[in-house]
C-alpha atoms as a PDB file:
ATOM      1  CA  MET A   1      -3.889  50.785-131.180  1.00  0.00           C
ATOM      2  CA  ALA A   2      -7.548  52.035-132.307  1.00  0.00           C
ATOM      3  CA  LEU A   3      -9.144  54.795-130.522  1.00  0.00           C
ATOM      4  CA  ASN A   4     -11.530  52.585-128.766  1.00  0.00           C
ATOM      5  CA  GLU A   5      -8.642  50.486-127.859  1.00  0.00           C
ATOM      6  CA  LYS A   6      -7.237  53.473-126.176  1.00  0.00           C
ATOM      7  CA  ALA A   7      -9.662  54.666-124.427  1.00  0.00           C
ATOM      8  CA  LEU A   8     -10.208  51.192-123.006  1.00  0.00           C
ATOM      9  CA  HIS A   9      -7.065  50.905-121.927  1.00  0.00           C
ATOM     10  CA  GLN A  10      -6.724  54.605-120.149  1.00  0.00           C
ATOM     11  CA  ALA A  11     -10.095  53.567-118.493  1.00  0.00           C
ATOM     12  CA  GLN A  12      -8.491  50.434-116.813  1.00  0.00           C
ATOM     13  CA  ARG A  13      -5.435  52.046-115.431  1.00  0.00           C
ATOM     14  CA  SER A  14      -7.377  54.613-114.097  1.00  0.00           C
ATOM     15  CA  LEU A  15      -9.778  52.261-112.696  1.00  0.00           C
ATOM     16  CA  LEU A  16      -6.843  50.261-111.479  1.00  0.00           C
ATOM     17  CA  LEU A  17      -4.933  53.417-109.985  1.00  0.00           C
ATOM     18  CA  GLU A  18      -8.415  54.421-108.234  1.00  0.00           C
ATOM     19  CA  ALA A  19      -8.345  50.484-106.529  1.00  0.00           C
ATOM     20  CA  ALA A  20      -4.938  51.156-104.779  1.00  0.00           C
ATOM     21  CA  ALA A  21      -5.677  54.799-103.717  1.00  0.00           C
ATOM     22  CA  VAL A  22      -9.284  52.698-102.302  1.00  0.00           C
ATOM     23  CA  LEU A  23      -7.061  49.643-100.885  1.00  0.00           C
ATOM     24  CA  ARG A  24      -4.684  52.314 -99.064  1.00  0.00           C
ATOM     25  CA  ARG A  25      -7.413  54.110 -97.444  1.00  0.00           C
ATOM     26  CA  ARG A  26      -9.455  51.485 -96.342  1.00  0.00           C
ATOM     27  CA  TYR A  27      -6.725  48.934 -95.246  1.00  0.00           C
ATOM     28  CA  ALA A  28      -3.369  50.019 -95.219  1.00  0.00           C
ATOM     29  CA  ARG A  29      -3.497  53.948 -93.702  1.00  0.00           C
ATOM     30  CA  VAL A  30      -6.594  54.141 -92.225  1.00  0.00           C
ATOM     31  CA  GLY A  31      -7.095  50.745 -91.128  1.00  0.00           C
ATOM     32  CA  ARG A  32     -10.973  50.641 -91.345  1.00  0.00           C
ATOM     33  CA  ASP A  33     -10.763  46.613 -91.713  1.00  0.00           C
ATOM     34  CA  ASP A  34      -8.209  44.550 -90.445  1.00  0.00           C
ATOM     35  CA  SER A  35      -8.932  41.775 -92.232  1.00  0.00           C
ATOM     36  CA  VAL A  36      -5.518  42.414 -94.250  1.00  0.00           C
ATOM     37  CA  SER A  37      -2.669  43.875 -92.585  1.00  0.00           C
ATOM     38  CA  PRO A  38      -1.058  46.988 -93.657  1.00  0.00           C
ATOM     39  CA  GLY A  39       1.893  45.909 -95.127  1.00  0.00           C
ATOM     40  CA  ALA A  40      -0.220  43.319 -97.422  1.00  0.00           C
ATOM     41  CA  ALA A  41      -2.507  45.938 -98.511  1.00  0.00           C
ATOM     42  CA  GLU A  42       0.115  48.514 -99.515  1.00  0.00           C
ATOM     43  CA  GLY A  43       2.004  45.314-101.606  1.00  0.00           C
ATOM     44  CA  LEU A  44      -1.104  45.024-102.946  1.00  0.00           C
ATOM     45  CA  SER A  45      -1.323  48.697-104.003  1.00  0.00           C
ATOM     46  CA  HIS A  46       1.874  48.655-105.195  1.00  0.00           C
ATOM     47  CA  PHE A  47       0.715  45.436-107.214  1.00  0.00           C
ATOM     48  CA  LEU A  48      -2.107  47.132-108.870  1.00  0.00           C
ATOM     49  CA  GLU A  49      -0.441  50.289-109.717  1.00  0.00           C
ATOM     50  CA  GLY A  50       2.722  48.339-111.400  1.00  0.00           C
ATOM     51  CA  ILE A  51      -0.058  46.677-113.425  1.00  0.00           C
ATOM     52  CA  ALA A  52      -1.812  49.904-114.579  1.00  0.00           C
ATOM     53  CA  ARG A  53       1.367  51.148-115.280  1.00  0.00           C
ATOM     54  CA  SER A  54       2.520  48.326-117.737  1.00  0.00           C
ATOM     55  CA  GLU A  55       5.643  47.306-115.666  1.00  0.00           C
ATOM     56  CA  PRO A  56       7.626  44.648-117.554  1.00  0.00           C
ATOM     57  CA  ALA A  57       8.033  42.615-114.183  1.00  0.00           C
ATOM     58  CA  LEU A  58       4.001  42.154-113.686  1.00  0.00           C
ATOM     59  CA  HIS A  59       3.465  40.808-117.631  1.00  0.00           C
ATOM     60  CA  LYS A  60       2.564  37.498-116.863  1.00  0.00           C
ATOM     61  CA  ALA A  61       0.127  38.900-114.129  1.00  0.00           C
ATOM     62  CA  ASP A  62      -3.474  38.000-114.572  1.00  0.00           C
ATOM     63  CA  PHE A  63      -4.659  41.203-115.954  1.00  0.00           C
ATOM     64  CA  ASN A  64      -8.504  40.175-115.775  1.00  0.00           C
ATOM     65  CA  GLU A  65      -8.467  39.207-112.190  1.00  0.00           C
ATOM     66  CA  ALA A  66      -6.466  42.279-111.436  1.00  0.00           C
ATOM     67  CA  ILE A  67      -9.498  44.401-113.089  1.00  0.00           C
ATOM     68  CA  ALA A  68     -12.116  42.282-111.526  1.00  0.00           C
ATOM     69  CA  LEU A  69     -10.586  42.676-107.599  1.00  0.00           C
ATOM     70  CA  ALA A  70     -10.504  46.681-108.866  1.00  0.00           C
ATOM     71  CA  HIS A  71     -14.414  46.738-109.522  1.00  0.00           C
ATOM     72  CA  ARG A  72     -14.694  44.133-105.973  1.00  0.00           C
ATOM     73  CA  LEU A  73     -12.414  47.207-104.291  1.00  0.00           C
ATOM     74  CA  ILE A  74     -14.310  50.067-105.530  1.00  0.00           C
ATOM     75  CA  ASP A  75     -17.483  48.201-105.258  1.00  0.00           C
ATOM     76  CA  ASP A  76     -16.710  47.029-101.911  1.00  0.00           C
ATOM     77  CA  ASP A  77     -18.003  43.962-103.159  1.00  0.00           C
ATOM     78  CA  HIS A  78     -15.989  40.764-101.193  1.00  0.00           C
ATOM     79  CA  PRO A  79     -12.925  41.876-102.443  1.00  0.00           C
ATOM     80  CA  GLU A  80     -11.309  38.818-100.515  1.00  0.00           C
ATOM     81  CA  ARG A  81     -12.954  36.461-103.195  1.00  0.00           C
ATOM     82  CA  SER A  82     -10.332  37.396-105.413  1.00  0.00           C
ATOM     83  CA  ARG A  83      -7.319  34.740-106.350  1.00  0.00           C
ATOM     84  CA  LEU A  84      -5.188  38.450-105.899  1.00  0.00           C
ATOM     85  CA  TRP A  85      -6.321  39.352-102.578  1.00  0.00           C
ATOM     86  CA  PRO A  86      -3.262  38.269 -99.441  1.00  0.00           C
ATOM     87  CA  ALA A  87      -4.189  35.151 -97.707  1.00  0.00           C
END
C-alpha cells in the first residue's frame, strides 16, 4: 500500500470511528433526537466501527455509503437520507 493510500485509509478509518462516537452521543446515549431508537443507533455505531476495523463479516458492506453517512453524521446534514440509516 502506497503512502498516500495508507494515509487515506487511516483518515477514512478515523472518520468512521468519529461518526460512530457522534451517533452514540446524539442518538444512543443522550437522546438528543428520538427519530432513531437507542438500540438502532448503537447497532449502526457498531457497524461503522466494524467497517473501520475491516471486520471480515462486513467486507460486502457498501464502504462508500458508510463514508458518506459518516460525513453526514459529523456535519449533521440529514444522515437519514443514507441507505444505511435505520428505518
